[in-house]
Amino acid sequence: MELYPRIKTINDGRNLLHEFDALIGHHSHCPQPVSFFSVDNVNKLIAYSLGNFCIGIENKMHKYGIVVKIKIGRNSEGKWLIGNVEWTFIGSRSLSEQEYTVEIVDDYNPN
């Protein structure tokens, strides 16, 4: 339930960007920042945590997440790179004891 990644997570992620073009994290149960870093003049992506997509817990703190859409393609030299990135907040809510819905939400407000 941490809204921001820990310093160690940020540093570990930045180090991993020397090997990977994008890192998608999880486990904090709430959305964390989506960030770009330049590594050797190439933009790379870290989404520290996408939060929850859909969870069967009736608690405001657990009902939010992020959906990320990443376009990838080759540049003029034929190297694969990340292009356009879109993201949006989502929220889940129960419709019944066995049914949940996931919807786009305008903002993230767990309070």
C-alpha atoms as a PDB file:
ATOM      1  CA  MET A   1       0.000   0.000   0.000  1.00  0.00           C
ATOM      2  CA  GLU A   2       2.779   2.420  -0.963  1.00  0.00           C
ATOM      3  CA  LEU A   3       1.927   5.252  -3.369  1.00  0.00           C
ATOM      4  CA  TYR A   4       5.559   5.812  -4.342  1.00  0.00           C
ATOM      5  CA  PRO A   5       8.361   3.341  -5.032  1.00  0.00           C
ATOM      6  CA  ARG A   6      11.140   2.954  -2.508  1.00  0.00           C
ATOM      7  CA  ILE A   7      14.557   4.465  -3.321  1.00  0.00           C
ATOM      8  CA  LYS A   8      16.053   0.967  -3.675  1.00  0.00           C
ATOM      9  CA  THR A   9      13.316   0.039  -6.179  1.00  0.00           C
ATOM     10  CA  ILE A  10      14.014   3.185  -8.213  1.00  0.00           C
ATOM     11  CA  ASN A  11      17.763   2.536  -8.227  1.00  0.00           C
ATOM     12  CA  ASP A  12      17.365  -1.160  -9.068  1.00  0.00           C
ATOM     13  CA  GLY A  13      14.958  -0.260 -11.883  1.00  0.00           C
ATOM     14  CA  ARG A  14      17.323   2.306 -13.365  1.00  0.00           C
ATOM     15  CA  ASN A  15      20.130  -0.266 -13.335  1.00  0.00           C
ATOM     16  CA  LEU A  16      17.920  -2.848 -15.068  1.00  0.00           C
ATOM     17  CA  LEU A  17      17.159  -0.361 -17.848  1.00  0.00           C
ATOM     18  CA  HIS A  18      20.662  -1.021 -19.178  1.00  0.00           C
ATOM     19  CA  GLU A  19      19.417  -4.522 -20.081  1.00  0.00           C
ATOM     20  CA  PHE A  20      15.687  -3.960 -20.735  1.00  0.00           C
ATOM     21  CA  ASP A  21      13.628  -1.316 -22.543  1.00  0.00           C
ATOM     22  CA  ALA A  22      10.662  -1.410 -20.180  1.00  0.00           C
ATOM     23  CA  LEU A  23       9.914  -2.626 -16.665  1.00  0.00           C
ATOM     24  CA  ILE A  24       6.383  -3.187 -15.399  1.00  0.00           C
ATOM     25  CA  GLY A  25       6.106  -3.650 -11.645  1.00  0.00           C
ATOM     26  CA  HIS A  26       3.469  -4.948  -9.288  1.00  0.00           C
ATOM     27  CA  HIS A  27       2.683  -5.777  -5.672  1.00  0.00           C
ATOM     28  CA  SER A  28       2.092  -2.381  -4.039  1.00  0.00           C
ATOM     29  CA  HIS A  29      -1.684  -2.872  -4.574  1.00  0.00           C
ATOM     30  CA  CYS A  30      -1.976   0.755  -5.656  1.00  0.00           C
ATOM     31  CA  PRO A  31      -0.810   2.623  -8.752  1.00  0.00           C
ATOM     32  CA  GLN A  32       2.681   4.076  -8.618  1.00  0.00           C
ATOM     33  CA  PRO A  33       4.395   6.466 -11.068  1.00  0.00           C
ATOM     34  CA  VAL A  34       4.976   5.667 -14.736  1.00  0.00           C
ATOM     35  CA  SER A  35       8.367   7.182 -15.626  1.00  0.00           C
ATOM     36  CA  PHE A  36      10.750   7.548 -18.547  1.00  0.00           C
ATOM     37  CA  PHE A  37      14.518   7.552 -18.282  1.00  0.00           C
ATOM     38  CA  SER A  38      17.081   8.157 -21.022  1.00  0.00           C
ATOM     39  CA  VAL A  39      19.715   5.415 -21.246  1.00  0.00           C
ATOM     40  CA  ASP A  40      22.335   5.878 -23.968  1.00  0.00           C
ATOM     41  CA  ASN A  41      20.017   8.421 -25.675  1.00  0.00           C
ATOM     42  CA  VAL A  42      17.128   5.936 -25.751  1.00  0.00           C
ATOM     43  CA  ASN A  43      13.934   6.536 -23.751  1.00  0.00           C
ATOM     44  CA  LYS A  44      13.082   3.616 -21.494  1.00  0.00           C
ATOM     45  CA  LEU A  45       9.984   3.058 -19.345  1.00  0.00           C
ATOM     46  CA  ILE A  46       9.419   2.032 -15.750  1.00  0.00           C
ATOM     47  CA  ALA A  47       5.875   1.537 -14.470  1.00  0.00           C
ATOM     48  CA  TYR A  48       6.685   0.844 -10.836  1.00  0.00           C
ATOM     49  CA  SER A  49       3.323  -0.714 -10.048  1.00  0.00           C
ATOM     50  CA  LEU A  50       0.093  -0.932 -12.014  1.00  0.00           C
ATOM     51  CA  GLY A  51      -1.869  -1.483  -8.815  1.00  0.00           C
ATOM     52  CA  ASN A  52      -4.838  -3.846  -8.910  1.00  0.00           C
ATOM     53  CA  PHE A  53      -6.810  -4.661 -12.031  1.00  0.00           C
ATOM     54  CA  CYS A  54      -9.695  -6.355 -10.255  1.00  0.00           C
ATOM     55  CA  ILE A  55      -9.716  -7.645  -6.716  1.00  0.00           C
ATOM     56  CA  GLY A  56     -12.484  -9.153  -4.640  1.00  0.00           C
ATOM     57  CA  ILE A  57     -11.826  -6.993  -1.600  1.00  0.00           C
ATOM     58  CA  GLU A  58     -14.313  -4.275  -0.727  1.00  0.00           C
ATOM     59  CA  ASN A  59     -11.803  -1.670   0.342  1.00  0.00           C
ATOM     60  CA  LYS A  60     -11.294   1.704  -1.366  1.00  0.00           C
ATOM     61  CA  MET A  61      -7.528   1.277  -1.134  1.00  0.00           C
ATOM     62  CA  HIS A  62      -7.600  -1.901  -3.257  1.00  0.00           C
ATOM     63  CA  LYS A  63      -9.961  -0.947  -6.046  1.00  0.00           C
ATOM     64  CA  TYR A  64      -7.625   1.110  -8.286  1.00  0.00           C
ATOM     65  CA  GLY A  65      -5.096   0.277 -10.957  1.00  0.00           C
ATOM     66  CA  ILE A  66      -3.532   1.463 -14.193  1.00  0.00           C
ATOM     67  CA  VAL A  67      -3.807   0.051 -17.694  1.00  0.00           C
ATOM     68  CA  VAL A  68      -0.769   0.815 -19.875  1.00  0.00           C
ATOM     69  CA  LYS A  69      -0.646   0.552 -23.672  1.00  0.00           C
ATOM     70  CA  ILE A  70       2.868   0.618 -25.152  1.00  0.00           C
ATOM     71  CA  LYS A  71       3.603   0.833 -28.872  1.00  0.00           C
ATOM     72  CA  ILE A  72       6.901  -0.611 -29.996  1.00  0.00           C
ATOM     73  CA  GLY A  73       8.514  -0.485 -33.402  1.00  0.00           C
ATOM     74  CA  ARG A  74      11.760  -0.227 -35.296  1.00  0.00           C
ATOM     75  CA  ASN A  75      13.606   3.029 -35.782  1.00  0.00           C
ATOM     76  CA  SER A  76      15.365   4.009 -39.033  1.00  0.00           C
ATOM     77  CA  GLU A  77      18.321   1.785 -38.083  1.00  0.00           C
ATOM     78  CA  GLY A  78      16.080  -1.236 -37.504  1.00  0.00           C
ATOM     79  CA  LYS A  79      16.411  -1.191 -33.707  1.00  0.00           C
ATOM     80  CA  TRP A  80      13.265  -1.968 -31.680  1.00  0.00           C
ATOM     81  CA  LEU A  81      12.247   0.948 -29.447  1.00  0.00           C
ATOM     82  CA  ILE A  82       9.339   2.063 -27.302  1.00  0.00           C
ATOM     83  CA  GLY A  83       7.097   4.543 -29.075  1.00  0.00           C
ATOM     84  CA  ASN A  84       3.862   6.049 -27.845  1.00  0.00           C
ATOM     85  CA  VAL A  85       2.763   5.173 -24.300  1.00  0.00           C
ATOM     86  CA  GLU A  86      -0.794   5.687 -23.073  1.00  0.00           C
ATOM     87  CA  TRP A  87      -2.072   4.981 -19.600  1.00  0.00           C
ATOM     88  CA  THR A  88      -5.275   5.472 -17.701  1.00  0.00           C
ATOM     89  CA  PHE A  89      -6.567   4.856 -14.200  1.00  0.00           C
ATOM     90  CA  ILE A  90      -9.103   2.087 -13.710  1.00  0.00           C
ATOM     91  CA  GLY A  91     -11.324   1.182 -10.812  1.00  0.00           C
ATOM     92  CA  SER A  92     -13.131  -2.011  -9.967  1.00  0.00           C
ATOM     93  CA  ARG A  93     -16.335  -2.412  -8.027  1.00  0.00           C
ATOM     94  CA  SER A  94     -18.594  -5.281  -7.157  1.00  0.00           C
ATOM     95  CA  LEU A  95     -21.902  -5.790  -8.907  1.00  0.00           C
ATOM     96  CA  SER A  96     -22.794  -8.804  -6.769  1.00  0.00           C
ATOM     97  CA  GLU A  97     -20.967 -11.340  -4.611  1.00  0.00           C
ATOM     98  CA  GLN A  98     -19.597 -13.050  -7.714  1.00  0.00           C
ATOM     99  CA  GLU A  99     -19.494 -10.225 -10.246  1.00  0.00           C
ATOM    100  CA  TYR A 100     -17.112  -7.290 -10.579  1.00  0.00           C
ATOM    101  CA  THR A 101     -16.715  -4.592 -13.189  1.00  0.00           C
ATOM    102  CA  VAL A 102     -13.625  -2.654 -14.219  1.00  0.00           C
ATOM    103  CA  GLU A 103     -14.105   0.914 -15.457  1.00  0.00           C
ATOM    104  CA  ILE A 104     -11.956   3.839 -16.502  1.00  0.00           C
ATOM    105  CA  VAL A 105     -11.923   6.456 -13.734  1.00  0.00           C
ATOM    106  CA  ASP A 106     -11.141  10.158 -14.014  1.00  0.00           C
ATOM    107  CA  ASP A 107      -8.789  10.274 -11.086  1.00  0.00           C
ATOM    108  CA  TYR A 108      -7.144   8.168  -8.442  1.00  0.00           C
ATOM    109  CA  ASN A 109      -8.507   8.999  -5.009  1.00  0.00           C
ATOM    110  CA  PRO A 110      -8.275   6.143  -2.512  1.00  0.00           C
ATOM    111  CA  ASN A 111      -9.590   8.263   0.364  1.00  0.00           C
END
